[in-house]
Amino acid sequence: MSRPPATRLPFEPLTAEAQAPTIDTLATRIGVSRRTVHRWINQGIPANQADRAAIAVGTHPACLWPDHWHVLT
């Protein structure tokens, strides 16, 4: 029995808000590995991790993903 696929949010709003010059800087700021950031770039950010990532860059996830966040909450 498999789980349904996680809802994923676009990566671009997070990078625009973070203004991190490198993937390393962004990963450190959010507290995840470089590999996780690469995965988010390619596949989107899982909704259950988007809140933590948004808060880590200093904003609320509803500000980054206004068209998506209200559906998830």
PDB file of N, CA and C in Angstrom:
ATOM      1  N   MET A   1       0.836  -1.166   0.000  1.00  0.00           N
ATOM      2  CA  MET A   1       0.000   0.000   0.000  1.00  0.00           C
ATOM      3  C   MET A   1       0.889   1.240   0.000  1.00  0.00           C
ATOM      4  N   SER A   2       0.714   2.119  -0.956  1.00  0.00           N
ATOM      5  CA  SER A   2       1.556   3.308  -1.046  1.00  0.00           C
ATOM      6  C   SER A   2       0.774   4.548  -0.620  1.00  0.00           C
ATOM      7  N   ARG A   3       1.537   5.533  -0.188  1.00  0.00           N
ATOM      8  CA  ARG A   3       0.932   6.804   0.212  1.00  0.00           C
ATOM      9  C   ARG A   3       0.630   7.630  -1.026  1.00  0.00           C
ATOM     10  N   PRO A   4      -0.365   8.510  -0.938  1.00  0.00           N
ATOM     11  CA  PRO A   4      -0.604   9.403  -2.068  1.00  0.00           C
ATOM     12  C   PRO A   4       0.563  10.379  -2.198  1.00  0.00           C
ATOM     13  N   PRO A   5       0.848  10.854  -3.399  1.00  0.00           N
ATOM     14  CA  PRO A   5       1.972  11.780  -3.572  1.00  0.00           C
ATOM     15  C   PRO A   5       1.730  13.073  -2.788  1.00  0.00           C
ATOM     16  N   ALA A   6       2.788  13.582  -2.201  1.00  0.00           N
ATOM     17  CA  ALA A   6       2.696  14.823  -1.435  1.00  0.00           C
ATOM     18  C   ALA A   6       2.470  16.001  -2.371  1.00  0.00           C
ATOM     19  N   THR A   7       1.675  16.947  -1.922  1.00  0.00           N
ATOM     20  CA  THR A   7       1.490  18.178  -2.675  1.00  0.00           C
ATOM     21  C   THR A   7       2.801  18.953  -2.641  1.00  0.00           C
ATOM     22  N   ARG A   8       3.228  19.438  -3.791  1.00  0.00           N
ATOM     23  CA  ARG A   8       4.491  20.182  -3.872  1.00  0.00           C
ATOM     24  C   ARG A   8       4.227  21.592  -4.382  1.00  0.00           C
ATOM     25  N   LEU A   9       4.952  22.515  -3.814  1.00  0.00           N
ATOM     26  CA  LEU A   9       4.820  23.924  -4.168  1.00  0.00           C
ATOM     27  C   LEU A   9       6.011  24.357  -5.001  1.00  0.00           C
ATOM     28  N   PRO A  10       5.832  25.374  -5.856  1.00  0.00           N
ATOM     29  CA  PRO A  10       6.941  25.827  -6.702  1.00  0.00           C
ATOM     30  C   PRO A  10       8.100  26.381  -5.871  1.00  0.00           C
ATOM     31  N   PHE A  11       9.287  26.140  -6.345  1.00  0.00           N
ATOM     32  CA  PHE A  11      10.507  26.547  -5.646  1.00  0.00           C
ATOM     33  C   PHE A  11      10.828  28.028  -5.828  1.00  0.00           C
ATOM     34  N   GLU A  12      10.485  28.590  -6.959  1.00  0.00           N
ATOM     35  CA  GLU A  12      10.916  29.947  -7.316  1.00  0.00           C
ATOM     36  C   GLU A  12      10.537  31.020  -6.298  1.00  0.00           C
ATOM     37  N   PRO A  13       9.320  31.034  -5.741  1.00  0.00           N
ATOM     38  CA  PRO A  13       9.020  32.085  -4.757  1.00  0.00           C
ATOM     39  C   PRO A  13       9.938  32.063  -3.536  1.00  0.00           C
ATOM     40  N   LEU A  14      10.354  30.875  -3.133  1.00  0.00           N
ATOM     41  CA  LEU A  14      11.258  30.777  -1.983  1.00  0.00           C
ATOM     42  C   LEU A  14      12.614  31.383  -2.304  1.00  0.00           C
ATOM     43  N   THR A  15      13.160  31.100  -3.469  1.00  0.00           N
ATOM     44  CA  THR A  15      14.475  31.649  -3.823  1.00  0.00           C
ATOM     45  C   THR A  15      14.410  33.156  -4.002  1.00  0.00           C
ATOM     46  N   ALA A  16      13.312  33.643  -4.552  1.00  0.00           N
ATOM     47  CA  ALA A  16      13.176  35.091  -4.727  1.00  0.00           C
ATOM     48  C   ALA A  16      13.157  35.803  -3.374  1.00  0.00           C
ATOM     49  N   GLU A  17      12.465  35.230  -2.415  1.00  0.00           N
ATOM     50  CA  GLU A  17      12.381  35.833  -1.081  1.00  0.00           C
ATOM     51  C   GLU A  17      13.704  35.707  -0.330  1.00  0.00           C
ATOM     52  N   ALA A  18      14.364  34.577  -0.453  1.00  0.00           N
ATOM     53  CA  ALA A  18      15.593  34.322   0.303  1.00  0.00           C
ATOM     54  C   ALA A  18      16.754  35.175  -0.182  1.00  0.00           C
ATOM     55  N   GLN A  19      16.791  35.488  -1.460  1.00  0.00           N
ATOM     56  CA  GLN A  19      17.898  36.244  -2.052  1.00  0.00           C
ATOM     57  C   GLN A  19      19.249  35.643  -1.677  1.00  0.00           C
ATOM     58  N   ALA A  20      19.309  34.327  -1.675  1.00  0.00           N
ATOM     59  CA  ALA A  20      20.560  33.626  -1.370  1.00  0.00           C
ATOM     60  C   ALA A  20      21.366  33.489  -2.655  1.00  0.00           C
ATOM     61  N   PRO A  21      22.632  33.874  -2.635  1.00  0.00           N
ATOM     62  CA  PRO A  21      23.440  33.838  -3.851  1.00  0.00           C
ATOM     63  C   PRO A  21      23.806  32.432  -4.328  1.00  0.00           C
ATOM     64  N   THR A  22      23.796  31.464  -3.415  1.00  0.00           N
ATOM     65  CA  THR A  22      24.178  30.104  -3.803  1.00  0.00           C
ATOM     66  C   THR A  22      23.228  29.095  -3.160  1.00  0.00           C
ATOM     67  N   ILE A  23      23.252  27.897  -3.695  1.00  0.00           N
ATOM     68  CA  ILE A  23      22.466  26.801  -3.121  1.00  0.00           C
ATOM     69  C   ILE A  23      22.964  26.498  -1.716  1.00  0.00           C
ATOM     70  N   ASP A  24      24.266  26.556  -1.506  1.00  0.00           N
ATOM     71  CA  ASP A  24      24.820  26.317  -0.166  1.00  0.00           C
ATOM     72  C   ASP A  24      24.275  27.309   0.850  1.00  0.00           C
ATOM     73  N   THR A  25      24.241  28.575   0.472  1.00  0.00           N
ATOM     74  CA  THR A  25      23.732  29.611   1.366  1.00  0.00           C
ATOM     75  C   THR A  25      22.265  29.365   1.700  1.00  0.00           C
ATOM     76  N   LEU A  26      21.477  29.053   0.686  1.00  0.00           N
ATOM     77  CA  LEU A  26      20.058  28.790   0.906  1.00  0.00           C
ATOM     78  C   LEU A  26      19.865  27.566   1.799  1.00  0.00           C
ATOM     79  N   ALA A  27      20.587  26.502   1.528  1.00  0.00           N
ATOM     80  CA  ALA A  27      20.464  25.287   2.336  1.00  0.00           C
ATOM     81  C   ALA A  27      20.811  25.558   3.796  1.00  0.00           C
ATOM     82  N   THR A  28      21.874  26.298   4.020  1.00  0.00           N
ATOM     83  CA  THR A  28      22.281  26.628   5.384  1.00  0.00           C
ATOM     84  C   THR A  28      21.226  27.478   6.074  1.00  0.00           C
ATOM     85  N   ARG A  29      20.705  28.471   5.373  1.00  0.00           N
ATOM     86  CA  ARG A  29      19.702  29.365   5.949  1.00  0.00           C
ATOM     87  C   ARG A  29      18.435  28.599   6.344  1.00  0.00           C
ATOM     88  N   ILE A  30      18.042  27.641   5.532  1.00  0.00           N
ATOM     89  CA  ILE A  30      16.817  26.884   5.800  1.00  0.00           C
ATOM     90  C   ILE A  30      17.068  25.732   6.764  1.00  0.00           C
ATOM     91  N   GLY A  31      18.298  25.233   6.781  1.00  0.00           N
ATOM     92  CA  GLY A  31      18.623  24.122   7.665  1.00  0.00           C
ATOM     93  C   GLY A  31      18.388  22.767   7.025  1.00  0.00           C
ATOM     94  N   VAL A  32      18.622  22.705   5.703  1.00  0.00           N
ATOM     95  CA  VAL A  32      18.504  21.442   4.977  1.00  0.00           C
ATOM     96  C   VAL A  32      19.797  21.202   4.201  1.00  0.00           C
ATOM     97  N   SER A  33      19.916  20.036   3.616  1.00  0.00           N
ATOM     98  CA  SER A  33      21.118  19.718   2.848  1.00  0.00           C
ATOM     99  C   SER A  33      21.032  20.318   1.439  1.00  0.00           C
ATOM    100  N   ARG A  34      22.197  20.398   0.799  1.00  0.00           N
ATOM    101  CA  ARG A  34      22.230  20.837  -0.602  1.00  0.00           C
ATOM    102  C   ARG A  34      21.405  19.900  -1.468  1.00  0.00           C
ATOM    103  N   ARG A  35      21.463  18.634  -1.157  1.00  0.00           N
ATOM    104  CA  ARG A  35      20.701  17.645  -1.930  1.00  0.00           C
ATOM    105  C   ARG A  35      19.197  17.915  -1.836  1.00  0.00           C
ATOM    106  N   THR A  36      18.738  18.286  -0.647  1.00  0.00           N
ATOM    107  CA  THR A  36      17.324  18.614  -0.483  1.00  0.00           C
ATOM    108  C   THR A  36      16.955  19.818  -1.337  1.00  0.00           C
ATOM    109  N   VAL A  37      17.806  20.833  -1.351  1.00  0.00           N
ATOM    110  CA  VAL A  37      17.528  22.016  -2.178  1.00  0.00           C
ATOM    111  C   VAL A  37      17.478  21.626  -3.659  1.00  0.00           C
ATOM    112  N   HIS A  38      18.389  20.799  -4.098  1.00  0.00           N
ATOM    113  CA  HIS A  38      18.360  20.337  -5.492  1.00  0.00           C
ATOM    114  C   HIS A  38      17.073  19.566  -5.782  1.00  0.00           C
ATOM    115  N   ARG A  39      16.647  18.754  -4.849  1.00  0.00           N
ATOM    116  CA  ARG A  39      15.407  18.003  -5.012  1.00  0.00           C
ATOM    117  C   ARG A  39      14.220  18.974  -5.117  1.00  0.00           C
ATOM    118  N   TRP A  40      14.205  20.007  -4.282  1.00  0.00           N
ATOM    119  CA  TRP A  40      13.128  21.002  -4.333  1.00  0.00           C
ATOM    120  C   TRP A  40      13.142  21.751  -5.660  1.00  0.00           C
ATOM    121  N   ILE A  41      14.325  22.051  -6.177  1.00  0.00           N
ATOM    122  CA  ILE A  41      14.419  22.742  -7.470  1.00  0.00           C
ATOM    123  C   ILE A  41      13.779  21.887  -8.559  1.00  0.00           C
ATOM    124  N   ASN A  42      14.064  20.604  -8.550  1.00  0.00           N
ATOM    125  CA  ASN A  42      13.584  19.699  -9.598  1.00  0.00           C
ATOM    126  C   ASN A  42      12.154  19.225  -9.416  1.00  0.00           C
ATOM    127  N   GLN A  43      11.713  19.077  -8.164  1.00  0.00           N
ATOM    128  CA  GLN A  43      10.413  18.453  -7.912  1.00  0.00           C
ATOM    129  C   GLN A  43       9.418  19.349  -7.194  1.00  0.00           C
ATOM    130  N   GLY A  44       9.854  20.507  -6.714  1.00  0.00           N
ATOM    131  CA  GLY A  44       8.995  21.365  -5.909  1.00  0.00           C
ATOM    132  C   GLY A  44       9.190  21.056  -4.431  1.00  0.00           C
ATOM    133  N   ILE A  45       8.678  21.940  -3.583  1.00  0.00           N
ATOM    134  CA  ILE A  45       8.837  21.792  -2.138  1.00  0.00           C
ATOM    135  C   ILE A  45       7.601  21.092  -1.582  1.00  0.00           C
ATOM    136  N   PRO A  46       7.789  19.997  -0.866  1.00  0.00           N
ATOM    137  CA  PRO A  46       6.631  19.348  -0.251  1.00  0.00           C
ATOM    138  C   PRO A  46       5.920  20.321   0.694  1.00  0.00           C
ATOM    139  N   ALA A  47       4.614  20.302   0.662  1.00  0.00           N
ATOM    140  CA  ALA A  47       3.829  21.235   1.470  1.00  0.00           C
ATOM    141  C   ALA A  47       4.170  21.136   2.949  1.00  0.00           C
ATOM    142  N   ASN A  48       4.472  19.939   3.424  1.00  0.00           N
ATOM    143  CA  ASN A  48       4.777  19.793   4.841  1.00  0.00           C
ATOM    144  C   ASN A  48       6.134  20.388   5.218  1.00  0.00           C
ATOM    145  N   GLN A  49       6.986  20.725   4.249  1.00  0.00           N
ATOM    146  CA  GLN A  49       8.276  21.368   4.520  1.00  0.00           C
ATOM    147  C   GLN A  49       8.273  22.846   4.127  1.00  0.00           C
ATOM    148  N   ALA A  50       7.256  23.263   3.399  1.00  0.00           N
ATOM    149  CA  ALA A  50       7.194  24.642   2.907  1.00  0.00           C
ATOM    150  C   ALA A  50       7.064  25.645   4.043  1.00  0.00           C
ATOM    151  N   ASP A  51       6.300  25.317   5.057  1.00  0.00           N
ATOM    152  CA  ASP A  51       6.125  26.233   6.183  1.00  0.00           C
ATOM    153  C   ASP A  51       7.458  26.516   6.850  1.00  0.00           C
ATOM    154  N   ARG A  52       8.195  25.471   7.163  1.00  0.00           N
ATOM    155  CA  ARG A  52       9.498  25.629   7.825  1.00  0.00           C
ATOM    156  C   ARG A  52      10.469  26.422   6.956  1.00  0.00           C
ATOM    157  N   ALA A  53      10.473  26.141   5.654  1.00  0.00           N
ATOM    158  CA  ALA A  53      11.381  26.845   4.746  1.00  0.00           C
ATOM    159  C   ALA A  53      11.025  28.325   4.663  1.00  0.00           C
ATOM    160  N   ALA A  54       9.746  28.632   4.567  1.00  0.00           N
ATOM    161  CA  ALA A  54       9.320  30.036   4.480  1.00  0.00           C
ATOM    162  C   ALA A  54       9.682  30.800   5.748  1.00  0.00           C
ATOM    163  N   ILE A  55       9.404  30.214   6.892  1.00  0.00           N
ATOM    164  CA  ILE A  55       9.733  30.862   8.160  1.00  0.00           C
ATOM    165  C   ILE A  55      11.240  31.086   8.274  1.00  0.00           C
ATOM    166  N   ALA A  56      12.022  30.129   7.798  1.00  0.00           N
ATOM    167  CA  ALA A  56      13.488  30.241   7.872  1.00  0.00           C
ATOM    168  C   ALA A  56      14.016  31.412   7.058  1.00  0.00           C
ATOM    169  N   VAL A  57      13.317  31.792   5.987  1.00  0.00           N
ATOM    170  CA  VAL A  57      13.775  32.945   5.199  1.00  0.00           C
ATOM    171  C   VAL A  57      13.048  34.227   5.600  1.00  0.00           C
ATOM    172  N   GLY A  58      12.228  34.145   6.646  1.00  0.00           N
ATOM    173  CA  GLY A  58      11.652  35.349   7.223  1.00  0.00           C
ATOM    174  C   GLY A  58      10.276  35.761   6.721  1.00  0.00           C
ATOM    175  N   THR A  59       9.496  34.819   6.245  1.00  0.00           N
ATOM    176  CA  THR A  59       8.154  35.179   5.775  1.00  0.00           C
ATOM    177  C   THR A  59       7.176  34.048   6.070  1.00  0.00           C
ATOM    178  N   HIS A  60       5.921  34.310   5.824  1.00  0.00           N
ATOM    179  CA  HIS A  60       4.875  33.297   6.018  1.00  0.00           C
ATOM    180  C   HIS A  60       4.639  32.580   4.694  1.00  0.00           C
ATOM    181  N   PRO A  61       4.380  31.282   4.713  1.00  0.00           N
ATOM    182  CA  PRO A  61       4.174  30.556   3.457  1.00  0.00           C
ATOM    183  C   PRO A  61       3.015  31.093   2.618  1.00  0.00           C
ATOM    184  N   ALA A  62       2.017  31.670   3.248  1.00  0.00           N
ATOM    185  CA  ALA A  62       0.897  32.241   2.486  1.00  0.00           C
ATOM    186  C   ALA A  62       1.346  33.437   1.648  1.00  0.00           C
ATOM    187  N   CYS A  63       2.416  34.099   2.064  1.00  0.00           N
ATOM    188  CA  CYS A  63       2.955  35.219   1.278  1.00  0.00           C
ATOM    189  C   CYS A  63       3.722  34.718   0.055  1.00  0.00           C
ATOM    190  N   LEU A  64       4.363  33.571   0.182  1.00  0.00           N
ATOM    191  CA  LEU A  64       5.141  33.013  -0.925  1.00  0.00           C
ATOM    192  C   LEU A  64       4.274  32.268  -1.929  1.00  0.00           C
ATOM    193  N   TRP A  65       3.275  31.565  -1.430  1.00  0.00           N
ATOM    194  CA  TRP A  65       2.430  30.726  -2.286  1.00  0.00           C
ATOM    195  C   TRP A  65       0.958  31.054  -2.059  1.00  0.00           C
ATOM    196  N   PRO A  66       0.528  32.277  -2.351  1.00  0.00           N
ATOM    197  CA  PRO A  66      -0.857  32.668  -2.047  1.00  0.00           C
ATOM    198  C   PRO A  66      -1.903  31.842  -2.792  1.00  0.00           C
ATOM    199  N   ASP A  67      -1.580  31.376  -3.973  1.00  0.00           N
ATOM    200  CA  ASP A  67      -2.544  30.594  -4.749  1.00  0.00           C
ATOM    201  C   ASP A  67      -2.618  29.143  -4.302  1.00  0.00           C
ATOM    202  N   HIS A  68      -1.658  28.705  -3.541  1.00  0.00           N
ATOM    203  CA  HIS A  68      -1.603  27.308  -3.121  1.00  0.00           C
ATOM    204  C   HIS A  68      -1.896  27.114  -1.635  1.00  0.00           C
ATOM    205  N   TRP A  69      -1.406  28.032  -0.818  1.00  0.00           N
ATOM    206  CA  TRP A  69      -1.397  27.812   0.630  1.00  0.00           C
ATOM    207  C   TRP A  69      -2.799  27.690   1.213  1.00  0.00           C
ATOM    208  N   HIS A  70      -3.733  28.516   0.779  1.00  0.00           N
ATOM    209  CA  HIS A  70      -5.080  28.465   1.348  1.00  0.00           C
ATOM    210  C   HIS A  70      -5.761  27.119   1.073  1.00  0.00           C
ATOM    211  N   VAL A  71      -5.397  26.447   0.019  1.00  0.00           N
ATOM    212  CA  VAL A  71      -5.958  25.138  -0.302  1.00  0.00           C
ATOM    213  C   VAL A  71      -5.416  24.074   0.639  1.00  0.00           C
ATOM    214  N   LEU A  72      -4.189  24.261   1.095  1.00  0.00           N
ATOM    215  CA  LEU A  72      -3.532  23.255   1.928  1.00  0.00           C
ATOM    216  C   LEU A  72      -3.908  23.359   3.407  1.00  0.00           C
ATOM    217  N   THR A  73      -4.383  24.521   3.819  1.00  0.00           N
ATOM    218  CA  THR A  73      -4.673  24.703   5.251  1.00  0.00           C
ATOM    219  C   THR A  73      -6.111  24.440   5.570  1.00  0.00           C
TER     220      THR A  73
END
